[in-house]
Protein backbone atom coordinates (compact mmCIF):
# COMPACT_ATOMS: atom_id res chain seq x y z
CA MET A 1 25.90 46.47 8.23
CA GLU A 2 27.79 44.90 5.51
CA ARG A 3 28.28 41.42 6.31
CA PRO A 4 32.38 40.43 5.98
CA ARG A 5 33.23 37.44 3.99
CA TRP A 6 33.90 35.33 7.03
CA ALA A 7 31.07 35.89 8.72
CA PRO A 8 28.26 33.00 8.90
CA ALA A 9 24.78 33.91 6.60
CA ASP A 10 22.73 33.24 9.88
CA LEU A 11 24.51 35.62 11.73
CA ASP A 12 22.54 38.06 14.03
CA LEU A 13 24.50 41.33 13.34
CA ASP A 14 22.65 43.64 15.67
CA ARG A 15 23.27 41.67 18.54
CA PRO A 16 26.83 42.03 20.68
CA SER A 17 28.64 38.53 21.43
CA VAL A 18 30.89 37.80 24.31
CA ALA A 19 33.43 36.29 21.99
CA ARG A 20 33.44 38.96 19.92
CA VAL A 21 33.76 41.53 22.14
CA TYR A 22 36.66 39.78 24.29
CA ASP A 23 38.12 39.29 20.81
CA TYR A 24 37.90 42.92 20.88
CA TYR A 25 39.45 43.88 24.24
CA LEU A 26 42.44 41.13 23.16
CA GLY A 27 42.80 43.62 20.06
CA GLY A 28 41.46 41.20 17.72
CA SER A 29 39.45 42.22 14.10
CA HIS A 30 36.71 39.84 14.60
CA ASN A 31 34.00 41.68 15.79
CA PHE A 32 31.47 43.63 14.44
CA ALA A 33 30.30 47.86 15.11
CA VAL A 34 27.83 46.19 17.71
CA ASP A 35 30.54 44.51 19.69
CA ARG A 36 32.55 47.71 19.73
CA GLU A 37 30.14 49.79 21.02
CA PHE A 38 29.08 47.44 23.84
CA ALA A 39 32.67 47.30 24.69
CA GLN A 40 33.00 50.95 24.61
CA GLN A 41 30.59 50.87 27.20
CA VAL A 42 32.26 48.38 29.13
CA LEU A 43 35.57 50.32 29.15
CA GLN A 44 33.69 53.39 30.53
CA ALA A 45 32.85 51.89 33.52
CA MET A 46 36.28 49.52 33.55
CA PRO A 47 38.78 50.92 31.51
CA ASN A 48 41.68 48.07 32.62
CA VAL A 49 39.22 45.36 31.12
CA PRO A 50 41.89 44.74 27.91
CA GLN A 51 44.65 44.28 30.37
CA LEU A 52 42.54 42.03 32.57
CA ALA A 53 41.53 40.27 29.31
CA ARG A 54 45.61 39.85 28.63
CA GLU A 55 46.48 38.50 31.83
CA ASN A 56 43.64 36.04 31.68
CA ARG A 57 44.97 34.95 28.58
CA ALA A 58 48.42 34.34 30.23
CA PHE A 59 46.59 32.33 32.74
CA LEU A 60 45.47 30.17 30.02
CA ARG A 61 49.04 29.65 28.78
CA ARG A 62 50.67 29.26 31.62
CA VAL A 63 47.98 26.26 32.58
CA VAL A 64 49.08 24.84 29.10
CA ARG A 65 52.34 24.79 29.62
CA ALA A 66 51.86 23.30 33.41
CA MET A 67 49.92 20.52 31.82
CA SER A 68 52.20 19.55 29.23
CA ALA A 69 54.67 19.51 31.64
CA LEU A 70 53.01 17.04 33.63
CA GLY A 71 52.76 14.82 30.01
CA VAL A 72 48.83 15.64 29.88
CA ASP A 73 48.58 15.98 25.41
CA GLN A 74 45.04 16.17 24.79
CA PHE A 75 42.73 19.59 25.57
CA ILE A 76 39.34 20.94 25.28
CA ASP A 77 38.81 24.35 25.42
CA LEU A 78 35.27 25.04 26.59
CA GLY A 79 33.68 28.41 25.61
CA SER A 80 37.10 28.95 23.84
CA GLY A 81 35.79 32.27 21.94
CA ILE A 82 37.92 32.97 18.89
CA PRO A 83 41.43 30.97 18.90
CA THR A 84 43.52 34.45 18.20
CA VAL A 85 47.17 34.11 18.39
CA GLY A 86 49.08 32.57 21.98
CA ASN A 87 45.82 29.80 21.99
CA VAL A 88 45.90 26.51 23.27
CA HIS A 89 46.99 24.80 20.24
CA GLU A 90 50.30 26.95 19.37
CA VAL A 91 51.13 26.79 22.82
CA ALA A 92 50.49 22.92 23.40
CA GLN A 93 51.89 22.12 19.98
CA GLU A 94 55.10 24.17 20.20
CA LEU A 95 55.56 21.89 23.43
CA ASP A 96 54.18 18.78 22.01
CA PRO A 97 53.52 18.76 17.95
CA LYS A 98 51.31 15.95 18.76
CA ALA A 99 49.23 17.43 21.03
CA ARG A 100 45.30 17.36 20.27
CA VAL A 101 43.42 20.38 20.52
CA VAL A 102 39.36 21.02 20.53
CA TYR A 103 37.85 24.45 20.49
CA VAL A 104 33.76 24.16 21.70
CA ASP A 105 32.14 27.29 21.34
CA TRP A 106 28.29 28.40 20.68
CA ASP A 107 29.19 31.79 19.07
CA PRO A 108 29.36 30.98 14.82
CA VAL A 109 31.90 33.83 14.55
CA ALA A 110 34.32 32.06 16.76
CA VAL A 111 33.18 28.89 15.17
CA ALA A 112 33.69 29.61 11.91
CA HIS A 113 37.23 31.89 12.14
CA GLY A 114 38.33 28.53 14.06
CA GLU A 115 37.39 26.57 11.00
CA ALA A 116 39.57 29.08 8.98
CA ILE A 117 42.41 29.13 10.86
CA LEU A 118 42.92 25.33 12.00
CA GLU A 119 41.55 23.94 8.22
CA ASP A 120 45.03 22.83 8.01
CA ASN A 121 46.01 21.55 11.27
CA ASP A 122 44.72 17.99 11.31
CA ARG A 123 45.26 17.53 15.46
CA THR A 124 43.14 20.08 16.00
CA ALA A 125 38.87 20.72 15.67
CA VAL A 126 36.61 23.23 16.40
CA ILE A 127 33.12 22.61 17.13
CA GLY A 128 29.77 24.72 17.82
CA ALA A 129 28.11 23.20 20.90
CA ASP A 130 27.10 24.35 24.01
CA LEU A 131 29.51 23.70 27.22
CA ARG A 132 26.48 23.23 29.09
CA GLU A 133 25.91 19.89 27.42
CA PRO A 134 29.41 17.75 28.11
CA ALA A 135 27.86 14.38 27.20
CA ALA A 136 26.87 15.50 23.46
CA ILE A 137 30.00 17.46 23.36
CA PHE A 138 32.08 14.15 24.23
CA ALA A 139 30.07 12.35 21.87
CA ASP A 140 30.55 14.29 18.61
CA GLU A 141 32.62 12.26 16.11
CA ARG A 142 34.97 15.54 15.76
CA VAL A 143 35.72 14.98 19.54
CA LYS A 144 36.39 11.45 19.47
CA ALA A 145 38.46 11.51 16.55
CA LEU A 146 40.57 13.64 18.74
CA ILE A 147 40.18 12.83 22.12
CA ASP A 148 40.78 9.65 23.94
CA PRO A 149 38.75 9.36 26.73
CA SER A 150 40.88 6.77 28.77
CA ARG A 151 43.69 9.33 28.78
CA PRO A 152 43.99 12.38 30.53
CA THR A 153 43.06 15.49 29.41
CA ALA A 154 43.13 18.95 30.10
CA ILE A 155 39.34 20.90 30.45
CA LEU A 156 40.01 24.97 29.76
CA LEU A 157 36.60 26.89 31.31
CA ILE A 158 38.88 30.23 31.05
CA ALA A 159 36.68 33.58 31.79
CA VAL A 160 33.46 31.45 30.99
CA LEU A 161 31.64 29.85 34.17
CA HIS A 162 30.46 33.43 35.29
CA PHE A 163 28.10 33.61 31.84
CA VAL A 164 26.32 29.89 33.85
CA PRO A 165 23.77 31.46 36.24
CA ASP A 166 23.37 29.50 39.93
CA GLU A 167 20.24 28.42 38.82
CA LEU A 168 21.65 25.87 35.88
CA LYS A 169 23.66 24.52 38.73
CA PRO A 170 27.65 25.03 37.55
CA ILE A 171 29.10 22.56 40.21
CA GLU A 172 27.00 19.93 39.07
CA LEU A 173 28.38 21.08 35.51
CA ILE A 174 31.71 20.83 36.62
CA GLY A 175 30.84 17.46 38.32
CA GLN A 176 29.36 16.37 34.77
CA ILE A 177 32.77 17.07 32.98
CA SER A 178 34.83 15.56 35.24
CA SER A 179 32.38 12.11 35.14
CA LEU A 180 34.01 11.90 31.90
CA LEU A 181 37.33 12.18 32.29
CA ALA A 182 39.86 9.84 32.95
CA PRO A 183 42.25 9.83 36.30
CA GLY A 184 44.85 12.15 35.82
CA SER A 185 42.72 14.74 33.81
CA HIS A 186 42.79 18.32 34.67
CA VAL A 187 39.85 20.93 34.88
CA ALA A 188 41.26 24.53 34.90
CA ILE A 189 38.86 27.67 35.67
CA SER A 190 39.35 31.10 35.86
CA HIS A 191 36.20 33.61 36.81
CA ALA A 192 35.29 36.79 37.63
CA SER A 193 34.67 37.96 41.13
CA PRO A 194 33.04 41.03 42.71
CA GLU A 195 35.67 40.96 45.81
CA ARG A 196 38.31 43.40 43.93
CA GLN A 197 37.48 46.59 42.17
CA ALA A 198 33.88 46.23 43.18
CA GLU A 199 32.56 49.06 41.90
CA GLN A 200 33.85 49.07 38.29
CA ILE A 201 33.56 45.24 37.89
CA GLY A 202 30.04 45.84 39.03
CA GLN A 203 29.12 48.64 36.40
CA ALA A 204 30.56 46.03 34.15
CA ALA A 205 28.86 43.03 34.95
CA ASN A 206 25.30 45.52 35.05
CA LEU A 207 25.84 46.14 31.14
CA TYR A 208 26.12 42.48 30.48
CA GLN A 209 22.69 41.89 32.00
CA LYS A 210 21.42 43.45 28.92
CA THR A 211 23.11 40.86 26.51
CA ALA A 212 22.60 37.07 26.25
CA SER A 213 25.28 36.43 28.43
CA PRO A 214 24.26 37.98 31.74
CA VAL A 215 27.90 37.77 34.41
CA THR A 216 26.96 36.07 37.92
CA MET A 217 29.79 37.29 39.98
CA ARG A 218 31.36 34.82 42.67
CA SER A 219 33.38 35.28 45.57
CA GLN A 220 36.72 32.90 46.15
CA ALA A 221 35.10 30.66 48.24
CA GLU A 222 32.33 30.17 45.80
CA ILE A 223 34.69 29.66 43.00
CA GLU A 224 36.44 26.97 44.96
CA ALA A 225 33.73 25.36 45.58
CA LEU A 226 33.15 25.08 41.86
CA PHE A 227 36.07 22.56 41.68
CA GLY A 228 33.75 19.83 43.96
CA ASP A 229 35.46 16.72 44.28
CA LEU A 230 38.71 17.75 42.58
CA ASP A 231 42.15 18.00 43.93
CA LEU A 232 43.32 21.51 43.60
CA LEU A 233 46.97 21.85 42.53
CA GLU A 234 49.66 24.22 44.25
CA PRO A 235 48.67 27.43 44.60
CA GLY A 236 44.79 26.76 44.85
CA VAL A 237 42.02 29.08 44.28
CA VAL A 238 43.93 32.49 43.73
CA GLN A 239 43.57 35.38 42.06
CA THR A 240 44.58 35.07 38.07
CA PRO A 241 48.22 36.71 38.11
CA LEU A 242 49.01 34.65 41.01
CA TRP A 243 48.60 31.17 39.73
CA ARG A 244 52.20 30.10 38.73
CA PRO A 245 53.28 33.63 37.35
CA ASP A 246 56.42 33.34 34.90
CA VAL A 247 58.41 35.57 37.11
CA PRO A 248 56.94 35.95 40.88
CA GLY A 249 58.97 38.63 41.76
CA GLU A 250 57.80 40.93 39.09
CA LEU A 251 54.12 40.87 39.96
CA GLY A 252 53.14 44.40 40.53
CA PRO A 253 50.52 45.55 43.13
CA GLU A 254 48.04 45.46 40.23
CA ALA A 255 47.89 41.84 40.85
CA TYR A 256 46.49 41.65 44.20
CA GLU A 257 43.62 43.85 43.14
CA TYR A 258 42.83 41.44 39.71
CA PRO A 259 39.01 41.05 40.20
CA ALA A 260 38.97 37.20 39.25
CA TYR A 261 40.19 34.28 40.67
CA ALA A 262 41.70 31.04 39.17
CA GLY A 263 43.01 27.47 39.75
CA VAL A 264 43.22 23.77 38.37
CA GLY A 265 42.02 20.94 39.94
CA ARG A 266 42.79 17.08 39.31
CA VAL A 267 40.67 14.35 38.67
CA ARG A 268 41.28 11.62 40.89
């Protein structure tokens, strides 16, 4: 296929990317035919995936607002994907123009697109790195230029830890990340689960097994365990739409069938 001008020269255009597929679910344009073909297979198994993605993005925005209300003004989005409309920097900097945001992803399209849209924003950065190597991320000069490790930071792990298999010990990963944070920092997680819409989400997960980012589903209890020694904020680990909804009384029955859980933990 013809390579778009914004696509890095060394990009593999023949393999779907989780970040670009997610961009497609959200209605974005930074995806390729291979990503759209894969996404259509997933949509055959689970047609409501775009709505699930929008709900997940809404959780991200609620977390950023909640952290800003607590006085947190620096954010690191690990496994950020492509920073499209309504992402962390827009929400945080609308509330506090001095807020600083670092996006981290290993997908070169996510990095290239992020660099393009953030080039005039000196309080943001996007780096290509693996979230499974937090020490290297915090040692990056671009991160050090924006994030003060002696002050509270919000770490965002949104719909990404289900791509970290058990053998890579995600609980230990969260512990490593937390050890790099000042007291009063927070870690936000959303994570797919097989406890709702089990047949559909199981079929979708099987498709992801064929990509470079296979999915590991976890139960609510297993997702809660990821927070380790962190102190969970109210309402704990709940289905994603139920975490501090903007208008609680307007939640429909589909919110209680949402096949993912979310929560936020505080570093002591």
